[in-house]
Amino acid sequence: MSTLTVRKLNVDLSRGFERHWMGGDIYRTAFMNALSMSFPLGEQMFIDSVRAVPADTIGDPALRAEVKDFVGQEASHRFVHQQYNAELARQGYDYTLEENTRKRVELIARLPVHDRLAITCALEHYTAMLADFVLRHPHWLERAEPRMRTLWSWHAAEESEHKAVAFDVYRAAGGGYWKRVLWYLHVSLVFWWDTTRQTAYNLKRDRALWTWRTWTSAARAWFGRRGLAWHLFRPGLDYLSPRFHPWQHDNRALLQVWLESNDGSFRTIGSTPA
């Protein structure tokens, strides 16, 4: 039996949303929008990487079931963020890195399966760390437009729920330590460079890139008392350990609290075939 649940979010983005939906905070809105822009291509890459592993390679029936539900969850995320990004495009925010990202994903698809999985594990670790931050620090989204707060919290909950699936598939397929770590170091540079560039473009589009308000918001977001930098530092380093496993950072209690408190925000749906 899978420990994952595929859910459909009860949020309608067809009416659009506020331009600076994070309570008017231009920097935080630009940063979160930059993340969203990268998700549809990234989540499809995650789906393709786990599907590339022959089923008979994964001996554990529970893990095979979790792969199916991982695919279902990521497909739901991809669909919602496609809607989200369509609204951003209508507001004039272009995903300027789309062509480069698409070409990079095409190159990754030609790599051996272990490399594809190692890249997926690295990116899933980043989404898991960011998801834990959102669930652990509700202040981050407390001023957000309610539908967007629900969307990001739901995404964070499911990223936390399935954070070990790609890692377990990588190990089941015979992936080793050095490949995992070397790809993580490479992915870390690319992920943050791309996210920073797209965030800067979003701010430039608002004519807010060089304003004092933007930079003070960024400083608080990253280096304030509950800043992102402090939250990401330790688990980011933990990934380098030969003994690392995603559930060493056990946040299932946080996940359960959110699910129980927001059970009207989603409905359960069936798995997507792997």
Protein backbone atom coordinates (compact mmCIF):
# COMPACT_ATOMS: atom_id res chain seq x y z
CA MET A 1 0.00 0.00 0.00
CA SER A 2 1.19 3.50 -0.85
CA THR A 3 1.62 6.04 1.96
CA LEU A 4 0.77 8.85 -0.49
CA THR A 5 -2.59 10.33 -1.43
CA VAL A 6 -3.33 12.06 -4.74
CA ARG A 7 -5.47 15.15 -4.16
CA LYS A 8 -7.17 17.71 -6.35
CA LEU A 9 -6.97 21.28 -5.07
CA ASN A 10 -10.26 23.13 -4.65
CA VAL A 11 -8.88 26.45 -5.85
CA ASP A 12 -10.10 28.27 -8.96
CA LEU A 13 -7.49 30.54 -10.57
CA SER A 14 -9.63 31.33 -13.62
CA ARG A 15 -10.56 34.73 -12.15
CA GLY A 16 -6.90 35.61 -11.71
CA PHE A 17 -5.24 36.90 -8.57
CA GLU A 18 -3.68 40.08 -7.26
CA ARG A 19 -0.45 41.24 -8.86
CA HIS A 20 1.38 41.37 -5.52
CA TRP A 21 -0.55 38.61 -3.82
CA MET A 22 1.88 38.23 -0.89
CA GLY A 23 0.19 41.01 1.08
CA GLY A 24 1.74 43.62 -1.21
CA ASP A 25 5.30 42.36 -0.60
CA ILE A 26 6.84 42.74 -4.06
CA TYR A 27 10.02 40.75 -3.38
CA ARG A 28 8.35 37.71 -1.83
CA THR A 29 5.73 37.68 -4.59
CA ALA A 30 8.43 37.86 -7.27
CA PHE A 31 10.42 35.04 -5.64
CA MET A 32 7.44 32.70 -5.26
CA ASN A 33 6.31 33.47 -8.83
CA ALA A 34 9.81 32.61 -10.10
CA LEU A 35 9.58 29.22 -8.39
CA SER A 36 6.15 28.57 -9.90
CA MET A 37 7.40 29.36 -13.40
CA SER A 38 9.95 26.54 -13.21
CA PHE A 39 7.59 23.91 -11.81
CA PRO A 40 5.66 22.54 -14.83
CA LEU A 41 8.81 21.61 -16.77
CA GLY A 42 10.56 20.43 -13.62
CA GLU A 43 7.70 18.27 -12.41
CA GLN A 44 7.34 16.61 -15.79
CA MET A 45 11.06 15.85 -15.65
CA PHE A 46 10.59 14.24 -12.22
CA ILE A 47 7.75 12.11 -13.56
CA ASP A 48 9.79 11.02 -16.58
CA SER A 49 12.85 10.16 -14.49
CA VAL A 50 11.03 7.75 -12.16
CA ARG A 51 9.06 6.26 -15.07
CA ALA A 52 12.37 5.56 -16.84
CA VAL A 53 13.25 2.96 -14.19
CA PRO A 54 12.11 -0.53 -15.23
CA ALA A 55 9.36 -1.75 -12.89
CA ASP A 56 11.22 -5.00 -12.11
CA THR A 57 14.13 -2.92 -10.78
CA ILE A 58 11.98 -1.81 -7.85
CA GLY A 59 11.51 -4.92 -5.75
CA ASP A 60 9.39 -3.37 -3.00
CA PRO A 61 5.67 -3.40 -3.97
CA ALA A 62 5.00 -0.49 -1.59
CA LEU A 63 7.61 1.62 -3.37
CA ARG A 64 6.10 0.74 -6.76
CA ALA A 65 2.73 1.92 -5.44
CA GLU A 66 4.31 5.12 -4.16
CA VAL A 67 5.85 5.80 -7.57
CA LYS A 68 2.36 5.73 -9.09
CA ASP A 69 1.05 8.18 -6.51
CA PHE A 70 4.17 10.33 -6.82
CA VAL A 71 3.35 10.64 -10.53
CA GLY A 72 -0.24 11.53 -9.65
CA GLN A 73 0.77 14.22 -7.18
CA GLU A 74 3.34 15.77 -9.49
CA ALA A 75 0.87 15.76 -12.38
CA SER A 76 -1.61 17.66 -10.18
CA HIS A 77 1.08 20.19 -9.25
CA ARG A 78 2.04 20.64 -12.88
CA PHE A 79 -1.58 21.33 -13.89
CA VAL A 80 -2.19 23.89 -11.14
CA HIS A 81 1.07 25.73 -11.79
CA GLN A 82 0.33 25.85 -15.50
CA GLN A 83 -2.86 27.75 -14.60
CA TYR A 84 -0.91 29.92 -12.17
CA ASN A 85 1.76 30.71 -14.78
CA ALA A 86 -0.86 31.50 -17.42
CA GLU A 87 -2.19 34.23 -15.12
CA LEU A 88 1.35 35.52 -14.58
CA ALA A 89 1.77 35.73 -18.36
CA ARG A 90 -1.49 37.69 -18.60
CA GLN A 91 -0.10 40.08 -16.01
CA GLY A 92 3.01 40.59 -18.16
CA TYR A 93 5.46 38.34 -16.34
CA ASP A 94 7.24 36.19 -18.93
CA TYR A 95 9.15 33.06 -18.02
CA THR A 96 12.35 34.30 -19.60
CA LEU A 97 14.26 31.08 -18.88
CA GLU A 98 11.71 28.76 -20.46
CA GLU A 99 13.64 28.00 -23.64
CA ASN A 100 16.91 27.39 -21.78
CA THR A 101 15.14 25.20 -19.22
CA ARG A 102 13.38 23.23 -21.93
CA LYS A 103 16.70 22.54 -23.68
CA ARG A 104 18.29 21.51 -20.38
CA VAL A 105 15.44 19.10 -19.67
CA GLU A 106 15.86 17.60 -23.15
CA LEU A 107 19.56 17.05 -22.46
CA ILE A 108 18.80 15.43 -19.10
CA ALA A 109 16.37 13.05 -20.82
CA ARG A 110 19.32 11.65 -22.81
CA LEU A 111 21.38 10.86 -19.72
CA PRO A 112 21.61 7.40 -18.14
CA VAL A 113 18.76 6.66 -15.75
CA HIS A 114 20.94 6.93 -12.62
CA ASP A 115 21.97 10.46 -13.56
CA ARG A 116 18.37 11.47 -14.28
CA LEU A 117 17.29 10.12 -10.91
CA ALA A 118 20.20 11.81 -9.10
CA ILE A 119 19.17 15.16 -10.58
CA THR A 120 15.58 14.53 -9.55
CA CYS A 121 16.66 13.60 -6.02
CA ALA A 122 18.61 16.86 -5.73
CA LEU A 123 15.72 19.02 -6.90
CA GLU A 124 13.26 17.09 -4.74
CA HIS A 125 15.47 17.85 -1.75
CA TYR A 126 15.21 21.55 -2.51
CA THR A 127 11.45 21.41 -2.89
CA ALA A 128 11.26 19.42 0.36
CA MET A 129 13.33 22.00 2.25
CA LEU A 130 11.25 24.88 0.89
CA ALA A 131 8.05 22.96 1.63
CA ASP A 132 9.12 22.37 5.21
CA PHE A 133 9.81 26.08 5.59
CA VAL A 134 6.29 26.96 4.39
CA LEU A 135 4.66 24.45 6.75
CA ARG A 136 6.90 25.21 9.72
CA HIS A 137 6.69 29.01 9.42
CA PRO A 138 3.07 30.01 8.67
CA HIS A 139 4.09 33.68 8.91
CA TRP A 140 5.59 33.37 5.42
CA LEU A 141 2.12 33.14 3.84
CA GLU A 142 -0.07 34.73 6.52
CA ARG A 143 -0.64 37.93 4.51
CA ALA A 144 -1.05 36.13 1.19
CA GLU A 145 -4.26 36.14 -0.83
CA PRO A 146 -6.25 33.19 0.62
CA ARG A 147 -6.39 31.10 -2.55
CA MET A 148 -2.64 31.49 -3.10
CA ARG A 149 -1.94 30.64 0.54
CA THR A 150 -3.97 27.46 0.11
CA LEU A 151 -2.25 26.59 -3.17
CA TRP A 152 1.27 26.95 -1.81
CA SER A 153 0.47 25.18 1.47
CA TRP A 154 -1.12 22.25 -0.40
CA HIS A 155 1.90 22.01 -2.66
CA ALA A 156 4.21 22.12 0.36
CA ALA A 157 2.23 19.38 2.11
CA GLU A 158 2.44 17.00 -0.85
CA GLU A 159 6.11 17.77 -1.50
CA SER A 160 6.75 16.81 2.11
CA GLU A 161 4.65 13.67 1.79
CA HIS A 162 6.52 12.30 -1.23
CA LYS A 163 9.97 13.72 -0.54
CA ALA A 164 11.67 10.31 -0.23
CA VAL A 165 10.16 8.57 -3.27
CA ALA A 166 12.74 9.59 -5.90
CA PHE A 167 15.54 8.98 -3.38
CA ASP A 168 14.27 5.46 -2.62
CA VAL A 169 13.89 4.70 -6.33
CA TYR A 170 17.47 5.92 -6.91
CA ARG A 171 18.77 3.55 -4.25
CA ALA A 172 16.61 0.66 -5.50
CA ALA A 173 18.02 1.21 -9.00
CA GLY A 174 21.57 0.93 -7.63
CA GLY A 175 22.48 4.63 -7.56
CA GLY A 176 25.63 5.46 -5.62
CA TYR A 177 26.81 8.17 -3.24
CA TRP A 178 29.22 10.18 -5.39
CA LYS A 179 26.88 10.52 -8.34
CA ARG A 180 24.11 11.71 -6.01
CA VAL A 181 26.32 14.29 -4.29
CA LEU A 182 28.09 15.61 -7.40
CA TRP A 183 24.78 16.16 -9.17
CA TYR A 184 23.44 17.86 -6.03
CA LEU A 185 26.30 20.36 -6.07
CA HIS A 186 25.71 21.07 -9.76
CA VAL A 187 21.95 21.33 -9.34
CA SER A 188 22.38 23.70 -6.38
CA LEU A 189 24.27 26.20 -8.53
CA VAL A 190 21.83 25.98 -11.44
CA PHE A 191 18.70 26.08 -9.28
CA TRP A 192 19.65 29.19 -7.33
CA TRP A 193 21.17 30.99 -10.32
CA ASP A 194 18.02 30.45 -12.38
CA THR A 195 15.67 31.34 -9.51
CA THR A 196 17.61 34.52 -8.78
CA ARG A 197 17.62 35.58 -12.43
CA GLN A 198 13.89 35.02 -12.85
CA THR A 199 13.13 36.79 -9.57
CA ALA A 200 15.20 39.75 -10.76
CA TYR A 201 13.31 39.83 -14.05
CA ASN A 202 9.97 39.80 -12.22
CA LEU A 203 11.13 42.70 -10.06
CA LYS A 204 12.45 44.59 -13.08
CA ARG A 205 9.05 44.16 -14.74
CA ASP A 206 7.56 45.95 -11.69
CA ARG A 207 10.29 48.61 -11.80
CA ALA A 208 11.18 47.49 -8.30
CA LEU A 209 14.57 45.81 -8.77
CA TRP A 210 16.61 48.64 -7.27
CA THR A 211 14.22 50.04 -4.67
CA TRP A 212 15.07 50.16 -0.97
CA ARG A 213 11.78 48.48 -0.13
CA THR A 214 12.65 45.46 -2.32
CA TRP A 215 16.09 44.98 -0.82
CA THR A 216 14.94 45.31 2.79
CA SER A 217 12.20 42.76 2.10
CA ALA A 218 14.75 40.40 0.53
CA ALA A 219 17.10 40.81 3.50
CA ARG A 220 14.30 39.98 5.96
CA ALA A 221 13.10 37.05 3.87
CA TRP A 222 16.54 35.45 3.74
CA PHE A 223 18.39 36.65 6.84
CA GLY A 224 15.72 37.73 9.30
CA ARG A 225 15.17 35.85 12.56
CA ARG A 226 13.09 33.22 10.74
CA GLY A 227 14.78 33.67 7.36
CA LEU A 228 15.08 31.14 4.59
CA ALA A 229 18.89 31.03 4.72
CA TRP A 230 18.93 29.75 8.32
CA HIS A 231 16.25 27.17 7.56
CA LEU A 232 17.96 25.77 4.45
CA PHE A 233 21.55 25.69 5.71
CA ARG A 234 21.60 22.57 7.91
CA PRO A 235 19.38 20.25 5.83
CA GLY A 236 21.17 21.45 2.71
CA LEU A 237 24.47 20.23 4.16
CA ASP A 238 22.93 17.03 5.50
CA TYR A 239 22.34 15.86 1.93
CA LEU A 240 26.11 15.47 1.58
CA SER A 241 26.25 12.72 4.21
CA PRO A 242 26.65 9.12 2.96
CA ARG A 243 23.99 8.16 5.55
CA PHE A 244 21.47 10.76 4.44
CA HIS A 245 17.84 9.87 3.88
CA PRO A 246 15.02 12.45 3.40
CA TRP A 247 13.00 11.12 6.35
CA GLN A 248 15.85 11.92 8.74
CA HIS A 249 14.10 15.32 8.66
CA ASP A 250 10.79 13.92 9.84
CA ASN A 251 8.04 16.51 9.48
CA ARG A 252 5.07 14.16 9.18
CA ALA A 253 3.45 15.82 12.21
CA LEU A 254 3.49 19.19 10.41
CA LEU A 255 2.04 17.58 7.32
CA GLN A 256 -0.75 15.93 9.30
CA VAL A 257 -1.68 19.15 11.08
CA TRP A 258 -2.05 20.97 7.76
CA LEU A 259 -4.10 18.17 6.18
CA GLU A 260 -6.48 17.99 9.15
CA SER A 261 -6.86 21.77 9.33
CA ASN A 262 -7.49 22.18 5.60
CA ASP A 263 -9.46 19.09 4.61
CA GLY A 264 -11.99 21.27 2.79
CA SER A 265 -9.31 22.64 0.49
CA PHE A 266 -8.87 19.47 -1.56
CA ARG A 267 -10.51 16.22 -2.52
CA THR A 268 -8.93 12.81 -2.98
CA ILE A 269 -8.60 11.47 -6.51
CA GLY A 270 -7.22 8.27 -8.03
CA SER A 271 -3.61 7.61 -8.96
CA THR A 272 -2.13 8.36 -12.34
CA PRO A 273 -0.81 5.15 -13.99
CA ALA A 274 2.97 4.96 -13.85
